[in-house]
Amino acid sequence: DRLMQQLHNNNKLFGRCMMLACGDFQQLPPVVKYGTRSQCVAASVKSWKHWPQFEVFELDQQSIRNKDDPEFSQFLDILGSGVKFDEI
């Protein structure tokens, strides 16, 4: 936030630039070395003071990793391994 404010010479949140973030809150929580459960929750983006200013969009419940489409699942596994698009 501070860096974007400085770069854009604007004291608004993120220097008034639109930010896009993605993630899955049902995946792993933030890692806090030797942290308690409550310390991990406190480290979450949802605990950030600016969190209420974000607009959250949820994807449909359709699963990308579909057992009925093993070819696409294999494609995702290859992609996740770091292979470049032009090598697939």
PDB file of N, CA and C in Angstrom:
ATOM      1  N   ASP A   1       0.835  -1.188   0.000  1.00  0.00           N
ATOM      2  CA  ASP A   1       0.000   0.000   0.000  1.00  0.00           C
ATOM      3  C   ASP A   1       0.877   1.248   0.000  1.00  0.00           C
ATOM      4  N   ARG A   2       1.821   1.313   0.937  1.00  0.00           N
ATOM      5  CA  ARG A   2       2.676   2.510   1.029  1.00  0.00           C
ATOM      6  C   ARG A   2       3.491   2.736  -0.234  1.00  0.00           C
ATOM      7  N   LEU A   3       4.026   1.659  -0.803  1.00  0.00           N
ATOM      8  CA  LEU A   3       4.827   1.801  -2.022  1.00  0.00           C
ATOM      9  C   LEU A   3       3.986   2.363  -3.162  1.00  0.00           C
ATOM     10  N   MET A   4       2.779   1.853  -3.343  1.00  0.00           N
ATOM     11  CA  MET A   4       1.910   2.351  -4.414  1.00  0.00           C
ATOM     12  C   MET A   4       1.521   3.804  -4.166  1.00  0.00           C
ATOM     13  N   GLN A   5       1.310   4.173  -2.911  1.00  0.00           N
ATOM     14  CA  GLN A   5       1.003   5.564  -2.591  1.00  0.00           C
ATOM     15  C   GLN A   5       2.175   6.468  -2.969  1.00  0.00           C
ATOM     16  N   GLN A   6       3.374   6.018  -2.667  1.00  0.00           N
ATOM     17  CA  GLN A   6       4.561   6.811  -2.997  1.00  0.00           C
ATOM     18  C   GLN A   6       4.759   6.910  -4.507  1.00  0.00           C
ATOM     19  N   LEU A   7       4.631   5.795  -5.190  1.00  0.00           N
ATOM     20  CA  LEU A   7       4.845   5.781  -6.641  1.00  0.00           C
ATOM     21  C   LEU A   7       3.852   6.669  -7.388  1.00  0.00           C
ATOM     22  N   HIS A   8       2.623   6.731  -6.886  1.00  0.00           N
ATOM     23  CA  HIS A   8       1.581   7.492  -7.563  1.00  0.00           C
ATOM     24  C   HIS A   8       1.302   8.833  -6.907  1.00  0.00           C
ATOM     25  N   ASN A   9       2.118   9.154  -5.902  1.00  0.00           N
ATOM     26  CA  ASN A   9       1.970  10.431  -5.203  1.00  0.00           C
ATOM     27  C   ASN A   9       0.512  10.668  -4.806  1.00  0.00           C
ATOM     28  N   ASN A  10      -0.069   9.635  -4.190  1.00  0.00           N
ATOM     29  CA  ASN A  10      -1.472   9.687  -3.810  1.00  0.00           C
ATOM     30  C   ASN A  10      -1.635   8.938  -2.492  1.00  0.00           C
ATOM     31  N   ASN A  11      -2.237   9.562  -1.494  1.00  0.00           N
ATOM     32  CA  ASN A  11      -2.369   8.961  -0.169  1.00  0.00           C
ATOM     33  C   ASN A  11      -3.572   8.033  -0.032  1.00  0.00           C
ATOM     34  N   LYS A  12      -4.320   7.828  -1.089  1.00  0.00           N
ATOM     35  CA  LYS A  12      -5.457   6.902  -1.045  1.00  0.00           C
ATOM     36  C   LYS A  12      -4.931   5.467  -1.030  1.00  0.00           C
ATOM     37  N   LEU A  13      -5.801   4.519  -0.692  1.00  0.00           N
ATOM     38  CA  LEU A  13      -5.420   3.115  -0.641  1.00  0.00           C
ATOM     39  C   LEU A  13      -4.795   2.672  -1.964  1.00  0.00           C
ATOM     40  N   PHE A  14      -3.620   2.068  -1.891  1.00  0.00           N
ATOM     41  CA  PHE A  14      -2.853   1.632  -3.069  1.00  0.00           C
ATOM     42  C   PHE A  14      -2.643   2.747  -4.080  1.00  0.00           C
ATOM     43  N   GLY A  15      -2.512   3.973  -3.595  1.00  0.00           N
ATOM     44  CA  GLY A  15      -2.281   5.095  -4.499  1.00  0.00           C
ATOM     45  C   GLY A  15      -3.405   5.293  -5.484  1.00  0.00           C
ATOM     46  N   ARG A  16      -4.577   4.815  -5.127  1.00  0.00           N
ATOM     47  CA  ARG A  16      -5.801   4.870  -5.930  1.00  0.00           C
ATOM     48  C   ARG A  16      -5.727   4.019  -7.198  1.00  0.00           C
ATOM     49  N   CYS A  17      -4.866   3.017  -7.180  1.00  0.00           N
ATOM     50  CA  CYS A  17      -4.779   2.067  -8.297  1.00  0.00           C
ATOM     51  C   CYS A  17      -5.670   0.872  -7.997  1.00  0.00           C
ATOM     52  N   MET A  18      -6.253   0.318  -9.030  1.00  0.00           N
ATOM     53  CA  MET A  18      -7.066  -0.878  -8.867  1.00  0.00           C
ATOM     54  C   MET A  18      -6.131  -2.063  -8.652  1.00  0.00           C
ATOM     55  N   MET A  19      -6.442  -2.870  -7.661  1.00  0.00           N
ATOM     56  CA  MET A  19      -5.632  -4.048  -7.362  1.00  0.00           C
ATOM     57  C   MET A  19      -6.499  -5.286  -7.565  1.00  0.00           C
ATOM     58  N   LEU A  20      -5.897  -6.301  -8.132  1.00  0.00           N
ATOM     59  CA  LEU A  20      -6.580  -7.570  -8.326  1.00  0.00           C
ATOM     60  C   LEU A  20      -5.765  -8.629  -7.610  1.00  0.00           C
ATOM     61  N   ALA A  21      -6.397  -9.351  -6.732  1.00  0.00           N
ATOM     62  CA  ALA A  21      -5.734 -10.435  -6.011  1.00  0.00           C
ATOM     63  C   ALA A  21      -6.610 -11.667  -6.119  1.00  0.00           C
ATOM     64  N   CYS A  22      -6.000 -12.811  -6.061  1.00  0.00           N
ATOM     65  CA  CYS A  22      -6.798 -14.021  -6.097  1.00  0.00           C
ATOM     66  C   CYS A  22      -6.254 -15.015  -5.093  1.00  0.00           C
ATOM     67  N   GLY A  23      -7.101 -15.862  -4.647  1.00  0.00           N
ATOM     68  CA  GLY A  23      -6.695 -16.856  -3.674  1.00  0.00           C
ATOM     69  C   GLY A  23      -7.882 -17.671  -3.236  1.00  0.00           C
ATOM     70  N   ASP A  24      -7.620 -18.597  -2.371  1.00  0.00           N
ATOM     71  CA  ASP A  24      -8.652 -19.486  -1.875  1.00  0.00           C
ATOM     72  C   ASP A  24      -8.528 -19.538  -0.364  1.00  0.00           C
ATOM     73  N   PHE A  25      -9.489 -18.958   0.331  1.00  0.00           N
ATOM     74  CA  PHE A  25      -9.429 -18.895   1.783  1.00  0.00           C
ATOM     75  C   PHE A  25      -9.622 -20.255   2.435  1.00  0.00           C
ATOM     76  N   GLN A  26      -9.966 -21.261   1.655  1.00  0.00           N
ATOM     77  CA  GLN A  26     -10.114 -22.598   2.209  1.00  0.00           C
ATOM     78  C   GLN A  26      -8.849 -23.420   2.015  1.00  0.00           C
ATOM     79  N   GLN A  27      -7.806 -22.795   1.528  1.00  0.00           N
ATOM     80  CA  GLN A  27      -6.518 -23.463   1.386  1.00  0.00           C
ATOM     81  C   GLN A  27      -5.695 -23.213   2.636  1.00  0.00           C
ATOM     82  N   LEU A  28      -4.403 -23.289   2.534  1.00  0.00           N
ATOM     83  CA  LEU A  28      -3.521 -23.124   3.690  1.00  0.00           C
ATOM     84  C   LEU A  28      -3.604 -21.723   4.274  1.00  0.00           C
ATOM     85  N   PRO A  29      -3.586 -21.617   5.600  1.00  0.00           N
ATOM     86  CA  PRO A  29      -3.570 -20.296   6.230  1.00  0.00           C
ATOM     87  C   PRO A  29      -2.172 -19.686   6.129  1.00  0.00           C
ATOM     88  N   PRO A  30      -2.035 -18.422   6.467  1.00  0.00           N
ATOM     89  CA  PRO A  30      -0.694 -17.819   6.486  1.00  0.00           C
ATOM     90  C   PRO A  30       0.213 -18.600   7.435  1.00  0.00           C
ATOM     91  N   VAL A  31       1.487 -18.665   7.095  1.00  0.00           N
ATOM     92  CA  VAL A  31       2.449 -19.387   7.920  1.00  0.00           C
ATOM     93  C   VAL A  31       3.080 -18.407   8.903  1.00  0.00           C
ATOM     94  N   VAL A  32       2.951 -18.706  10.170  1.00  0.00           N
ATOM     95  CA  VAL A  32       3.583 -17.926  11.228  1.00  0.00           C
ATOM     96  C   VAL A  32       4.466 -18.901  11.992  1.00  0.00           C
ATOM     97  N   LYS A  33       5.771 -18.729  11.892  1.00  0.00           N
ATOM     98  CA  LYS A  33       6.708 -19.656  12.524  1.00  0.00           C
ATOM     99  C   LYS A  33       6.408 -19.774  14.014  1.00  0.00           C
ATOM    100  N   TYR A  34       6.148 -20.983  14.452  1.00  0.00           N
ATOM    101  CA  TYR A  34       5.803 -21.298  15.843  1.00  0.00           C
ATOM    102  C   TYR A  34       4.560 -20.552  16.315  1.00  0.00           C
ATOM    103  N   GLY A  35       3.732 -20.127  15.376  1.00  0.00           N
ATOM    104  CA  GLY A  35       2.550 -19.345  15.730  1.00  0.00           C
ATOM    105  C   GLY A  35       1.384 -20.192  16.197  1.00  0.00           C
ATOM    106  N   THR A  36       0.557 -19.602  16.995  1.00  0.00           N
ATOM    107  CA  THR A  36      -0.668 -20.249  17.436  1.00  0.00           C
ATOM    108  C   THR A  36      -1.718 -20.089  16.345  1.00  0.00           C
ATOM    109  N   ARG A  37      -2.823 -20.758  16.506  1.00  0.00           N
ATOM    110  CA  ARG A  37      -3.907 -20.653  15.531  1.00  0.00           C
ATOM    111  C   ARG A  37      -4.387 -19.202  15.419  1.00  0.00           C
ATOM    112  N   SER A  38      -4.515 -18.526  16.556  1.00  0.00           N
ATOM    113  CA  SER A  38      -4.987 -17.141  16.529  1.00  0.00           C
ATOM    114  C   SER A  38      -3.968 -16.199  15.887  1.00  0.00           C
ATOM    115  N   GLN A  39      -2.678 -16.498  16.019  1.00  0.00           N
ATOM    116  CA  GLN A  39      -1.659 -15.681  15.359  1.00  0.00           C
ATOM    117  C   GLN A  39      -1.709 -15.865  13.837  1.00  0.00           C
ATOM    118  N   CYS A  40      -2.015 -17.069  13.392  1.00  0.00           N
ATOM    119  CA  CYS A  40      -2.170 -17.318  11.948  1.00  0.00           C
ATOM    120  C   CYS A  40      -3.378 -16.565  11.405  1.00  0.00           C
ATOM    121  N   VAL A  41      -4.468 -16.579  12.146  1.00  0.00           N
ATOM    122  CA  VAL A  41      -5.654 -15.835  11.726  1.00  0.00           C
ATOM    123  C   VAL A  41      -5.347 -14.348  11.671  1.00  0.00           C
ATOM    124  N   ALA A  42      -4.609 -13.845  12.655  1.00  0.00           N
ATOM    125  CA  ALA A  42      -4.253 -12.424  12.693  1.00  0.00           C
ATOM    126  C   ALA A  42      -3.355 -12.033  11.522  1.00  0.00           C
ATOM    127  N   ALA A  43      -2.610 -12.994  10.965  1.00  0.00           N
ATOM    128  CA  ALA A  43      -1.730 -12.714   9.833  1.00  0.00           C
ATOM    129  C   ALA A  43      -2.467 -12.770   8.498  1.00  0.00           C
ATOM    130  N   SER A  44      -3.713 -13.181   8.517  1.00  0.00           N
ATOM    131  CA  SER A  44      -4.507 -13.303   7.294  1.00  0.00           C
ATOM    132  C   SER A  44      -4.849 -11.931   6.717  1.00  0.00           C
ATOM    133  N   VAL A  45      -4.979 -11.878   5.407  1.00  0.00           N
ATOM    134  CA  VAL A  45      -5.370 -10.638   4.740  1.00  0.00           C
ATOM    135  C   VAL A  45      -6.736 -10.166   5.233  1.00  0.00           C
ATOM    136  N   LYS A  46      -7.564 -11.096   5.684  1.00  0.00           N
ATOM    137  CA  LYS A  46      -8.881 -10.719   6.187  1.00  0.00           C
ATOM    138  C   LYS A  46      -8.802  -9.940   7.497  1.00  0.00           C
ATOM    139  N   SER A  47      -7.662  -9.994   8.169  1.00  0.00           N
ATOM    140  CA  SER A  47      -7.471  -9.242   9.405  1.00  0.00           C
ATOM    141  C   SER A  47      -6.860  -7.865   9.152  1.00  0.00           C
ATOM    142  N   TRP A  48      -6.511  -7.585   7.915  1.00  0.00           N
ATOM    143  CA  TRP A  48      -5.893  -6.305   7.564  1.00  0.00           C
ATOM    144  C   TRP A  48      -6.923  -5.187   7.711  1.00  0.00           C
ATOM    145  N   LYS A  49      -6.501  -4.037   8.196  1.00  0.00           N
ATOM    146  CA  LYS A  49      -7.441  -2.939   8.452  1.00  0.00           C
ATOM    147  C   LYS A  49      -8.158  -2.463   7.197  1.00  0.00           C
ATOM    148  N   HIS A  50      -7.581  -2.658   6.021  1.00  0.00           N
ATOM    149  CA  HIS A  50      -8.204  -2.209   4.775  1.00  0.00           C
ATOM    150  C   HIS A  50      -9.079  -3.279   4.124  1.00  0.00           C
ATOM    151  N   TRP A  51      -9.126  -4.481   4.713  1.00  0.00           N
ATOM    152  CA  TRP A  51      -9.890  -5.570   4.112  1.00  0.00           C
ATOM    153  C   TRP A  51     -11.335  -5.187   3.797  1.00  0.00           C
ATOM    154  N   PRO A  52     -12.037  -4.465   4.670  1.00  0.00           N
ATOM    155  CA  PRO A  52     -13.436  -4.125   4.366  1.00  0.00           C
ATOM    156  C   PRO A  52     -13.609  -3.276   3.101  1.00  0.00           C
ATOM    157  N   GLN A  53     -12.543  -2.658   2.616  1.00  0.00           N
ATOM    158  CA  GLN A  53     -12.644  -1.837   1.413  1.00  0.00           C
ATOM    159  C   GLN A  53     -12.514  -2.656   0.131  1.00  0.00           C
ATOM    160  N   PHE A  54     -12.170  -3.935   0.258  1.00  0.00           N
ATOM    161  CA  PHE A  54     -12.049  -4.789  -0.916  1.00  0.00           C
ATOM    162  C   PHE A  54     -13.407  -5.344  -1.304  1.00  0.00           C
ATOM    163  N   GLU A  55     -13.593  -5.565  -2.577  1.00  0.00           N
ATOM    164  CA  GLU A  55     -14.802  -6.210  -3.077  1.00  0.00           C
ATOM    165  C   GLU A  55     -14.423  -7.636  -3.454  1.00  0.00           C
ATOM    166  N   VAL A  56     -15.116  -8.586  -2.900  1.00  0.00           N
ATOM    167  CA  VAL A  56     -14.788  -9.994  -3.109  1.00  0.00           C
ATOM    168  C   VAL A  56     -15.750 -10.596  -4.120  1.00  0.00           C
ATOM    169  N   PHE A  57     -15.205 -11.265  -5.104  1.00  0.00           N
ATOM    170  CA  PHE A  57     -15.989 -11.982  -6.099  1.00  0.00           C
ATOM    171  C   PHE A  57     -15.705 -13.468  -5.924  1.00  0.00           C
ATOM    172  N   GLU A  58     -16.715 -14.277  -5.955  1.00  0.00           N
ATOM    173  CA  GLU A  58     -16.535 -15.711  -5.806  1.00  0.00           C
ATOM    174  C   GLU A  58     -16.790 -16.405  -7.136  1.00  0.00           C
ATOM    175  N   LEU A  59     -15.973 -17.397  -7.419  1.00  0.00           N
ATOM    176  CA  LEU A  59     -16.157 -18.191  -8.622  1.00  0.00           C
ATOM    177  C   LEU A  59     -17.319 -19.148  -8.423  1.00  0.00           C
ATOM    178  N   ASP A  60     -17.868 -19.609  -9.529  1.00  0.00           N
ATOM    179  CA  ASP A  60     -18.914 -20.617  -9.447  1.00  0.00           C
ATOM    180  C   ASP A  60     -18.358 -21.871  -8.782  1.00  0.00           C
ATOM    181  N   GLN A  61     -19.222 -22.725  -8.321  1.00  0.00           N
ATOM    182  CA  GLN A  61     -18.818 -23.936  -7.619  1.00  0.00           C
ATOM    183  C   GLN A  61     -18.323 -25.032  -8.554  1.00  0.00           C
ATOM    184  N   GLN A  62     -18.224 -24.745  -9.838  1.00  0.00           N
ATOM    185  CA  GLN A  62     -17.749 -25.754 -10.772  1.00  0.00           C
ATOM    186  C   GLN A  62     -16.274 -26.020 -10.516  1.00  0.00           C
ATOM    187  N   SER A  63     -15.937 -27.265 -10.370  1.00  0.00           N
ATOM    188  CA  SER A  63     -14.554 -27.637 -10.091  1.00  0.00           C
ATOM    189  C   SER A  63     -13.744 -27.647 -11.381  1.00  0.00           C
ATOM    190  N   ILE A  64     -12.583 -27.025 -11.343  1.00  0.00           N
ATOM    191  CA  ILE A  64     -11.703 -27.034 -12.516  1.00  0.00           C
ATOM    192  C   ILE A  64     -11.092 -28.422 -12.675  1.00  0.00           C
ATOM    193  N   ARG A  65     -10.690 -29.007 -11.564  1.00  0.00           N
ATOM    194  CA  ARG A  65     -10.082 -30.339 -11.616  1.00  0.00           C
ATOM    195  C   ARG A  65     -11.195 -31.370 -11.601  1.00  0.00           C
ATOM    196  N   ASN A  66     -11.586 -31.748 -12.776  1.00  0.00           N
ATOM    197  CA  ASN A  66     -12.750 -32.607 -12.944  1.00  0.00           C
ATOM    198  C   ASN A  66     -12.306 -34.032 -13.266  1.00  0.00           C
ATOM    199  N   LYS A  67     -12.793 -34.991 -12.504  1.00  0.00           N
ATOM    200  CA  LYS A  67     -12.427 -36.393 -12.753  1.00  0.00           C
ATOM    201  C   LYS A  67     -12.911 -36.870 -14.109  1.00  0.00           C
ATOM    202  N   ASP A  68     -13.918 -36.160 -14.671  1.00  0.00           N
ATOM    203  CA  ASP A  68     -14.445 -36.543 -15.976  1.00  0.00           C
ATOM    204  C   ASP A  68     -13.611 -35.986 -17.120  1.00  0.00           C
ATOM    205  N   ASP A  69     -12.599 -35.200 -16.800  1.00  0.00           N
ATOM    206  CA  ASP A  69     -11.754 -34.606 -17.833  1.00  0.00           C
ATOM    207  C   ASP A  69     -10.280 -34.793 -17.454  1.00  0.00           C
ATOM    208  N   PRO A  70      -9.792 -36.032 -17.515  1.00  0.00           N
ATOM    209  CA  PRO A  70      -8.411 -36.303 -17.097  1.00  0.00           C
ATOM    210  C   PRO A  70      -7.373 -35.573 -17.943  1.00  0.00           C
ATOM    211  N   GLU A  71      -7.686 -35.307 -19.198  1.00  0.00           N
ATOM    212  CA  GLU A  71      -6.737 -34.594 -20.057  1.00  0.00           C
ATOM    213  C   GLU A  71      -6.507 -33.166 -19.539  1.00  0.00           C
ATOM    214  N   PHE A  72      -7.597 -32.504 -19.139  1.00  0.00           N
ATOM    215  CA  PHE A  72      -7.466 -31.146 -18.609  1.00  0.00           C
ATOM    216  C   PHE A  72      -6.754 -31.169 -17.254  1.00  0.00           C
ATOM    217  N   SER A  73      -7.047 -32.152 -16.418  1.00  0.00           N
ATOM    218  CA  SER A  73      -6.362 -32.284 -15.134  1.00  0.00           C
ATOM    219  C   SER A  73      -4.868 -32.480 -15.339  1.00  0.00           C
ATOM    220  N   GLN A  74      -4.498 -33.294 -16.332  1.00  0.00           N
ATOM    221  CA  GLN A  74      -3.079 -33.504 -16.631  1.00  0.00           C
ATOM    222  C   GLN A  74      -2.447 -32.201 -17.115  1.00  0.00           C
ATOM    223  N   PHE A  75      -3.161 -31.442 -17.937  1.00  0.00           N
ATOM    224  CA  PHE A  75      -2.682 -30.149 -18.402  1.00  0.00           C
ATOM    225  C   PHE A  75      -2.387 -29.228 -17.207  1.00  0.00           C
ATOM    226  N   LEU A  76      -3.300 -29.196 -16.221  1.00  0.00           N
ATOM    227  CA  LEU A  76      -3.091 -28.360 -15.039  1.00  0.00           C
ATOM    228  C   LEU A  76      -1.885 -28.822 -14.233  1.00  0.00           C
ATOM    229  N   ASP A  77      -1.679 -30.136 -14.137  1.00  0.00           N
ATOM    230  CA  ASP A  77      -0.521 -30.653 -13.419  1.00  0.00           C
ATOM    231  C   ASP A  77       0.778 -30.218 -14.102  1.00  0.00           C
ATOM    232  N   ILE A  78       0.802 -30.290 -15.423  1.00  0.00           N
ATOM    233  CA  ILE A  78       1.990 -29.871 -16.183  1.00  0.00           C
ATOM    234  C   ILE A  78       2.214 -28.382 -16.003  1.00  0.00           C
ATOM    235  N   LEU A  79       1.162 -27.617 -16.118  1.00  0.00           N
ATOM    236  CA  LEU A  79       1.255 -26.173 -15.976  1.00  0.00           C
ATOM    237  C   LEU A  79       1.757 -25.792 -14.579  1.00  0.00           C
ATOM    238  N   GLY A  80       1.257 -26.480 -13.564  1.00  0.00           N
ATOM    239  CA  GLY A  80       1.663 -26.212 -12.187  1.00  0.00           C
ATOM    240  C   GLY A  80       3.099 -26.579 -11.902  1.00  0.00           C
ATOM    241  N   SER A  81       3.692 -27.415 -12.745  1.00  0.00           N
ATOM    242  CA  SER A  81       5.077 -27.811 -12.521  1.00  0.00           C
ATOM    243  C   SER A  81       6.075 -26.772 -13.025  1.00  0.00           C
ATOM    244  N   GLY A  82       5.572 -25.704 -13.655  1.00  0.00           N
ATOM    245  CA  GLY A  82       6.464 -24.626 -14.090  1.00  0.00           C
ATOM    246  C   GLY A  82       6.848 -24.683 -15.560  1.00  0.00           C
ATOM    247  N   VAL A  83       6.272 -25.591 -16.323  1.00  0.00           N
ATOM    248  CA  VAL A  83       6.561 -25.687 -17.746  1.00  0.00           C
ATOM    249  C   VAL A  83       6.025 -24.432 -18.443  1.00  0.00           C
ATOM    250  N   LYS A  84       6.798 -23.875 -19.367  1.00  0.00           N
ATOM    251  CA  LYS A  84       6.358 -22.694 -20.087  1.00  0.00           C
ATOM    252  C   LYS A  84       5.281 -23.054 -21.099  1.00  0.00           C
ATOM    253  N   PHE A  85       4.401 -22.088 -21.401  1.00  0.00           N
ATOM    254  CA  PHE A  85       3.294 -22.345 -22.311  1.00  0.00           C
ATOM    255  C   PHE A  85       3.753 -22.875 -23.664  1.00  0.00           C
ATOM    256  N   ASP A  86       4.844 -22.355 -24.186  1.00  0.00           N
ATOM    257  CA  ASP A  86       5.271 -22.781 -25.519  1.00  0.00           C
ATOM    258  C   ASP A  86       5.873 -24.193 -25.510  1.00  0.00           C
ATOM    259  N   GLU A  87       6.086 -24.766 -24.325  1.00  0.00           N
ATOM    260  CA  GLU A  87       6.625 -26.123 -24.237  1.00  0.00           C
ATOM    261  C   GLU A  87       5.523 -27.176 -24.088  1.00  0.00           C
ATOM    262  N   ILE A  88       4.301 -26.709 -23.879  1.00  0.00           N
ATOM    263  CA  ILE A  88       3.197 -27.667 -23.666  1.00  0.00           C
ATOM    264  C   ILE A  88       2.657 -28.139 -25.003  1.00  0.00           C
TER     265      ILE A  88
END
